[in-house]
Amino acid sequence: MQTLIPEKAWIVKFNVKDKTVNLEGRAIDDLIVSTFMQNLEESVFFSNVTWIDSKEVNEPQGLVKQFSIRLSLIHISEPTRLRRISYA
């Protein structure tokens, strides 16, 4: 997940129940939120990425976008996990 979050965005709540993830975050603008959602959609680990809501909130950094996203975890079976590569 960390590699999917753009600069100038951060997660403040992350909840997993069954295979559904609900997260709340902050970003400096809508473009950053859009980029984050696109990164999630392109990930092999998530599907059904859905924007729930967003609004402007005042944080110590100034006015930022608070956003909520829901997505599903994709089950990855053992054979499709990353394998150790041998360079023998």
C-alpha atoms as a PDB file:
ATOM      1  CA  MET A   1       0.000   0.000   0.000  1.00  0.00           C
ATOM      2  CA  GLN A   2       2.797   2.422   0.866  1.00  0.00           C
ATOM      3  CA  THR A   3       4.137   2.459  -2.698  1.00  0.00           C
ATOM      4  CA  LEU A   4       0.663   3.314  -4.045  1.00  0.00           C
ATOM      5  CA  ILE A   5       0.175   6.475  -1.972  1.00  0.00           C
ATOM      6  CA  PRO A   6       1.295   9.581  -3.875  1.00  0.00           C
ATOM      7  CA  GLU A   7       3.434  12.289  -2.317  1.00  0.00           C
ATOM      8  CA  LYS A   8       1.329  14.877  -0.504  1.00  0.00           C
ATOM      9  CA  ALA A   9      -1.271  12.275   0.519  1.00  0.00           C
ATOM     10  CA  TRP A  10      -1.564  10.239   3.722  1.00  0.00           C
ATOM     11  CA  ILE A  11      -3.849   7.648   5.290  1.00  0.00           C
ATOM     12  CA  VAL A  12      -5.437   8.418   8.669  1.00  0.00           C
ATOM     13  CA  LYS A  13      -7.796   5.423   9.034  1.00  0.00           C
ATOM     14  CA  PHE A  14      -7.521   1.927   7.595  1.00  0.00           C
ATOM     15  CA  ASN A  15     -10.095  -0.743   8.385  1.00  0.00           C
ATOM     16  CA  VAL A  16     -10.296  -4.281   6.968  1.00  0.00           C
ATOM     17  CA  LYS A  17     -13.342  -6.496   7.432  1.00  0.00           C
ATOM     18  CA  ASP A  18     -13.471  -9.761   5.533  1.00  0.00           C
ATOM     19  CA  LYS A  19     -12.098  -8.707   2.122  1.00  0.00           C
ATOM     20  CA  THR A  20     -13.365  -5.122   2.221  1.00  0.00           C
ATOM     21  CA  VAL A  21     -11.036  -2.231   3.001  1.00  0.00           C
ATOM     22  CA  ASN A  22     -12.349   1.164   4.097  1.00  0.00           C
ATOM     23  CA  LEU A  23      -9.825   3.931   4.304  1.00  0.00           C
ATOM     24  CA  GLU A  24      -9.819   7.612   5.059  1.00  0.00           C
ATOM     25  CA  GLY A  25      -7.025   9.893   4.053  1.00  0.00           C
ATOM     26  CA  ARG A  26      -5.939  13.422   3.334  1.00  0.00           C
ATOM     27  CA  ALA A  27      -4.385  14.960   0.232  1.00  0.00           C
ATOM     28  CA  ILE A  28      -3.481  18.441  -0.879  1.00  0.00           C
ATOM     29  CA  ASP A  29      -5.953  18.375  -3.792  1.00  0.00           C
ATOM     30  CA  ASP A  30      -8.382  16.308  -5.875  1.00  0.00           C
ATOM     31  CA  LEU A  31      -5.730  15.390  -8.433  1.00  0.00           C
ATOM     32  CA  ILE A  32      -3.702  13.608  -5.755  1.00  0.00           C
ATOM     33  CA  VAL A  33      -6.809  11.679  -4.624  1.00  0.00           C
ATOM     34  CA  SER A  34      -7.504  10.725  -8.241  1.00  0.00           C
ATOM     35  CA  THR A  35      -3.923   9.533  -8.710  1.00  0.00           C
ATOM     36  CA  PHE A  36      -4.165   7.425  -5.555  1.00  0.00           C
ATOM     37  CA  MET A  37      -7.408   5.815  -6.735  1.00  0.00           C
ATOM     38  CA  GLN A  38      -5.849   5.060 -10.120  1.00  0.00           C
ATOM     39  CA  ASN A  39      -2.832   3.469  -8.409  1.00  0.00           C
ATOM     40  CA  LEU A  40      -5.174   1.279  -6.350  1.00  0.00           C
ATOM     41  CA  GLU A  41      -7.163   0.271  -9.447  1.00  0.00           C
ATOM     42  CA  GLU A  42      -3.972  -0.726 -11.265  1.00  0.00           C
ATOM     43  CA  SER A  43      -2.712  -2.819  -8.337  1.00  0.00           C
ATOM     44  CA  VAL A  44      -2.937  -6.605  -8.536  1.00  0.00           C
ATOM     45  CA  PHE A  45      -3.946  -6.651  -4.869  1.00  0.00           C
ATOM     46  CA  PHE A  46      -7.173  -4.585  -5.030  1.00  0.00           C
ATOM     47  CA  SER A  47     -10.409  -4.383  -7.006  1.00  0.00           C
ATOM     48  CA  ASN A  48     -13.722  -2.511  -6.868  1.00  0.00           C
ATOM     49  CA  VAL A  49     -12.052   0.762  -5.888  1.00  0.00           C
ATOM     50  CA  THR A  50     -14.900   3.116  -5.008  1.00  0.00           C
ATOM     51  CA  TRP A  51     -14.822   6.778  -4.026  1.00  0.00           C
ATOM     52  CA  ILE A  52     -17.159   7.318  -1.052  1.00  0.00           C
ATOM     53  CA  ASP A  53     -16.812  11.038  -0.360  1.00  0.00           C
ATOM     54  CA  SER A  54     -14.459  13.950   0.023  1.00  0.00           C
ATOM     55  CA  LYS A  55     -14.534  17.384   1.576  1.00  0.00           C
ATOM     56  CA  GLU A  56     -12.185  20.169   2.475  1.00  0.00           C
ATOM     57  CA  VAL A  57     -10.939  20.203   6.047  1.00  0.00           C
ATOM     58  CA  ASN A  58      -8.556  22.433   7.943  1.00  0.00           C
ATOM     59  CA  GLU A  59      -5.397  20.633   9.111  1.00  0.00           C
ATOM     60  CA  PRO A  60      -2.198  22.056  10.634  1.00  0.00           C
ATOM     61  CA  GLN A  61      -0.763  22.008   7.072  1.00  0.00           C
ATOM     62  CA  GLY A  62      -3.654  24.183   5.876  1.00  0.00           C
ATOM     63  CA  LEU A  63      -6.769  23.377   3.865  1.00  0.00           C
ATOM     64  CA  VAL A  64      -6.667  19.802   2.496  1.00  0.00           C
ATOM     65  CA  LYS A  65      -9.024  17.222   0.984  1.00  0.00           C
ATOM     66  CA  GLN A  66     -10.344  14.556   3.324  1.00  0.00           C
ATOM     67  CA  PHE A  67     -11.384  11.482   1.338  1.00  0.00           C
ATOM     68  CA  SER A  68     -12.916   8.072   1.912  1.00  0.00           C
ATOM     69  CA  ILE A  69     -12.393   5.075  -0.370  1.00  0.00           C
ATOM     70  CA  ARG A  70     -13.711   1.500  -0.262  1.00  0.00           C
ATOM     71  CA  LEU A  71     -12.023  -1.364  -2.078  1.00  0.00           C
ATOM     72  CA  SER A  72     -11.805  -5.135  -2.124  1.00  0.00           C
ATOM     73  CA  LEU A  73      -8.784  -7.288  -1.415  1.00  0.00           C
ATOM     74  CA  ILE A  74      -7.931  -9.790  -4.124  1.00  0.00           C
ATOM     75  CA  HIS A  75      -6.994 -13.230  -2.848  1.00  0.00           C
ATOM     76  CA  ILE A  76      -3.592 -14.248  -4.123  1.00  0.00           C
ATOM     77  CA  SER A  77      -2.950 -17.953  -4.038  1.00  0.00           C
ATOM     78  CA  GLU A  78       0.457 -19.247  -3.007  1.00  0.00           C
ATOM     79  CA  PRO A  79       1.643 -20.119  -6.544  1.00  0.00           C
ATOM     80  CA  THR A  80       1.042 -16.562  -7.782  1.00  0.00           C
ATOM     81  CA  ARG A  81       2.914 -14.854  -4.959  1.00  0.00           C
ATOM     82  CA  LEU A  82       6.270 -13.349  -5.691  1.00  0.00           C
ATOM     83  CA  ARG A  83       8.877 -16.056  -5.870  1.00  0.00           C
ATOM     84  CA  ARG A  84      12.499 -15.889  -4.823  1.00  0.00           C
ATOM     85  CA  ILE A  85      14.726 -15.741  -7.866  1.00  0.00           C
ATOM     86  CA  SER A  86      17.871 -17.826  -7.928  1.00  0.00           C
ATOM     87  CA  TYR A  87      20.858 -16.531  -9.847  1.00  0.00           C
ATOM     88  CA  ALA A  88      22.875 -19.738  -9.849  1.00  0.00           C
END
